[in-house]
C-alpha atoms as a PDB file:
ATOM      1  CA  MET A   1     -18.170  -0.181   3.600  1.00  0.00           C
ATOM      2  CA  THR A   2     -16.817   1.375   0.254  1.00  0.00           C
ATOM      3  CA  THR A   3     -15.799   4.892   0.442  1.00  0.00           C
ATOM      4  CA  TYR A   4     -14.549   7.584  -1.709  1.00  0.00           C
ATOM      5  CA  GLN A   5     -13.024  11.103  -0.959  1.00  0.00           C
ATOM      6  CA  GLY A   6     -12.173  13.468  -4.033  1.00  0.00           C
ATOM      7  CA  PRO A   7     -13.607  15.850  -6.255  1.00  0.00           C
ATOM      8  CA  VAL A   8     -16.883  15.441  -7.909  1.00  0.00           C
ATOM      9  CA  THR A   9     -18.641  17.650 -10.612  1.00  0.00           C
ATOM     10  CA  VAL A  10     -22.142  18.196  -9.109  1.00  0.00           C
ATOM     11  CA  VAL A  11     -24.891  18.953 -11.990  1.00  0.00           C
ATOM     12  CA  ALA A  12     -28.179  20.382 -11.090  1.00  0.00           C
ATOM     13  CA  GLY A  13     -30.652  22.625 -13.455  1.00  0.00           C
ATOM     14  CA  ASP A  14     -27.807  25.451 -15.143  1.00  0.00           C
ATOM     15  CA  VAL A  15     -25.138  24.441 -12.590  1.00  0.00           C
ATOM     16  CA  GLU A  16     -22.139  22.325 -13.497  1.00  0.00           C
ATOM     17  CA  ALA A  17     -19.603  22.927 -10.042  1.00  0.00           C
ATOM     18  CA  THR A  18     -16.638  21.032  -8.789  1.00  0.00           C
ATOM     19  CA  MET A  19     -16.919  20.146  -5.093  1.00  0.00           C
ATOM     20  CA  ARG A  20     -15.236  18.012  -2.538  1.00  0.00           C
ATOM     21  CA  ALA A  21     -17.038  14.719  -1.775  1.00  0.00           C
ATOM     22  CA  ASP A  22     -16.770  12.480   1.369  1.00  0.00           C
ATOM     23  CA  LEU A  23     -18.833   9.342   0.730  1.00  0.00           C
ATOM     24  CA  SER A  24     -19.560   5.856   1.946  1.00  0.00           C
ATOM     25  CA  SER A  25     -21.901   3.273   0.995  1.00  0.00           C
ATOM     26  CA  THR A  26     -23.402   0.580   3.650  1.00  0.00           C
ATOM     27  CA  GLN A  27     -25.201  -2.518   3.701  1.00  0.00           C
ATOM     28  CA  GLN A  28     -27.728  -3.304   6.299  1.00  0.00           C
ATOM     29  CA  ASP A  29     -30.263  -5.970   6.491  1.00  0.00           C
ATOM     30  CA  GLY A  30     -29.854  -6.615   2.860  1.00  0.00           C
ATOM     31  CA  THR A  31     -30.185  -2.921   1.874  1.00  0.00           C
ATOM     32  CA  ARG A  32     -27.242  -0.653   0.547  1.00  0.00           C
ATOM     33  CA  SER A  33     -27.224   2.826   0.782  1.00  0.00           C
ATOM     34  CA  TRP A  34     -24.701   5.685   0.225  1.00  0.00           C
ATOM     35  CA  GLY A  35     -24.398   9.063   1.311  1.00  0.00           C
ATOM     36  CA  GLY A  36     -21.753  11.538   2.978  1.00  0.00           C
ATOM     37  CA  SER A  37     -21.025  15.315   2.559  1.00  0.00           C
ATOM     38  CA  LEU A  38     -20.212  18.134  -0.014  1.00  0.00           C
ATOM     39  CA  SER A  39     -17.734  20.635   0.717  1.00  0.00           C
ATOM     40  CA  GLY A  40     -15.932  23.640  -1.150  1.00  0.00           C
ATOM     41  CA  TYR A  41     -18.924  24.899  -3.136  1.00  0.00           C
ATOM     42  CA  GLU A  42     -20.158  28.275  -3.612  1.00  0.00           C
ATOM     43  CA  ASP A  43     -23.649  29.199  -1.755  1.00  0.00           C
ATOM     44  CA  ALA A  44     -25.432  29.954  -5.107  1.00  0.00           C
ATOM     45  CA  ASP A  45     -24.362  26.607  -6.621  1.00  0.00           C
ATOM     46  CA  MET A  46     -26.133  25.109  -3.694  1.00  0.00           C
ATOM     47  CA  PHE A  47     -29.048  27.041  -3.904  1.00  0.00           C
ATOM     48  CA  GLU A  48     -29.519  25.665  -7.462  1.00  0.00           C
ATOM     49  CA  VAL A  49     -29.019  22.094  -6.263  1.00  0.00           C
ATOM     50  CA  LEU A  50     -31.619  22.728  -3.460  1.00  0.00           C
ATOM     51  CA  THR A  51     -34.351  24.210  -6.174  1.00  0.00           C
ATOM     52  CA  ALA A  52     -33.648  21.606  -8.967  1.00  0.00           C
ATOM     53  CA  ASP A  53     -35.654  18.796  -9.921  1.00  0.00           C
ATOM     54  CA  THR A  54     -32.801  16.254 -10.132  1.00  0.00           C
ATOM     55  CA  ALA A  55     -29.090  16.560  -8.583  1.00  0.00           C
ATOM     56  CA  VAL A  56     -26.179  14.447 -10.181  1.00  0.00           C
ATOM     57  CA  MET A  57     -22.676  13.726  -8.581  1.00  0.00           C
ATOM     58  CA  ARG A  58     -20.219  12.705 -11.221  1.00  0.00           C
ATOM     59  CA  LEU A  59     -16.771  10.896 -10.182  1.00  0.00           C
ATOM     60  CA  PRO A  60     -13.558  11.721 -12.226  1.00  0.00           C
ATOM     61  CA  ASP A  61     -14.056   8.192 -13.742  1.00  0.00           C
ATOM     62  CA  GLY A  62     -17.574   9.147 -15.251  1.00  0.00           C
ATOM     63  CA  HIS A  63     -19.631   7.588 -12.928  1.00  0.00           C
ATOM     64  CA  GLU A  64     -22.772   9.143 -12.046  1.00  0.00           C
ATOM     65  CA  GLY A  65     -25.531   9.162  -8.766  1.00  0.00           C
ATOM     66  CA  ARG A  66     -28.183  11.044  -7.698  1.00  0.00           C
ATOM     67  CA  PHE A  67     -28.703  12.554  -4.389  1.00  0.00           C
ATOM     68  CA  VAL A  68     -30.734  14.955  -2.420  1.00  0.00           C
ATOM     69  CA  LEU A  69     -29.308  17.417   0.404  1.00  0.00           C
ATOM     70  CA  GLN A  70     -30.146  16.641   4.015  1.00  0.00           C
ATOM     71  CA  GLY A  71     -30.954  19.288   6.580  1.00  0.00           C
ATOM     72  CA  LYS A  72     -30.801  22.969   6.235  1.00  0.00           C
ATOM     73  CA  LEU A  73     -28.478  25.216   3.946  1.00  0.00           C
ATOM     74  CA  THR A  74     -27.164  28.072   5.874  1.00  0.00           C
ATOM     75  CA  PRO A  75     -24.723  30.832   3.853  1.00  0.00           C
ATOM     76  CA  GLY A  76     -21.199  30.059   4.642  1.00  0.00           C
ATOM     77  CA  GLN A  77     -21.677  26.457   5.713  1.00  0.00           C
ATOM     78  CA  GLY A  78     -18.667  24.450   5.487  1.00  0.00           C
ATOM     79  CA  ALA A  79     -20.273  21.255   4.258  1.00  0.00           C
ATOM     80  CA  VAL A  80     -23.811  19.836   3.523  1.00  0.00           C
ATOM     81  CA  ALA A  81     -24.923  16.463   4.010  1.00  0.00           C
ATOM     82  CA  VAL A  82     -26.372  14.561   1.005  1.00  0.00           C
ATOM     83  CA  LEU A  83     -28.033  11.048   0.725  1.00  0.00           C
ATOM     84  CA  GLY A  84     -27.764   9.128  -2.589  1.00  0.00           C
ATOM     85  CA  SER A  85     -30.471   7.420  -4.418  1.00  0.00           C
ATOM     86  CA  GLY A  86     -29.651   4.410  -6.646  1.00  0.00           C
ATOM     87  CA  PRO A  87     -26.472   2.629  -6.752  1.00  0.00           C
ATOM     88  CA  ALA A  88     -23.292   4.125  -5.433  1.00  0.00           C
ATOM     89  CA  PRO A  89     -21.166   5.886  -7.968  1.00  0.00           C
ATOM     90  CA  PHE A  90     -17.879   4.692  -6.572  1.00  0.00           C
END
């Protein structure tokens, strides 16, 4: 398992926001997947992530990965779960 904890820039629609990520990638039955959580965001930024066609997470080294939010987003929520698509950016 590979992990990353630290700052990311989330790009979705017209929003480019700095957040904190806690991510991991795993391999099970030959399939790799990645995901984790985002925190330290503004509710308005997360609303844009929910309504955008594509959300991208950019790490400080420039690597990027597409992701979707998991579960419901409620105002004032401390962290939101994400599920990555494609190769992990870390």
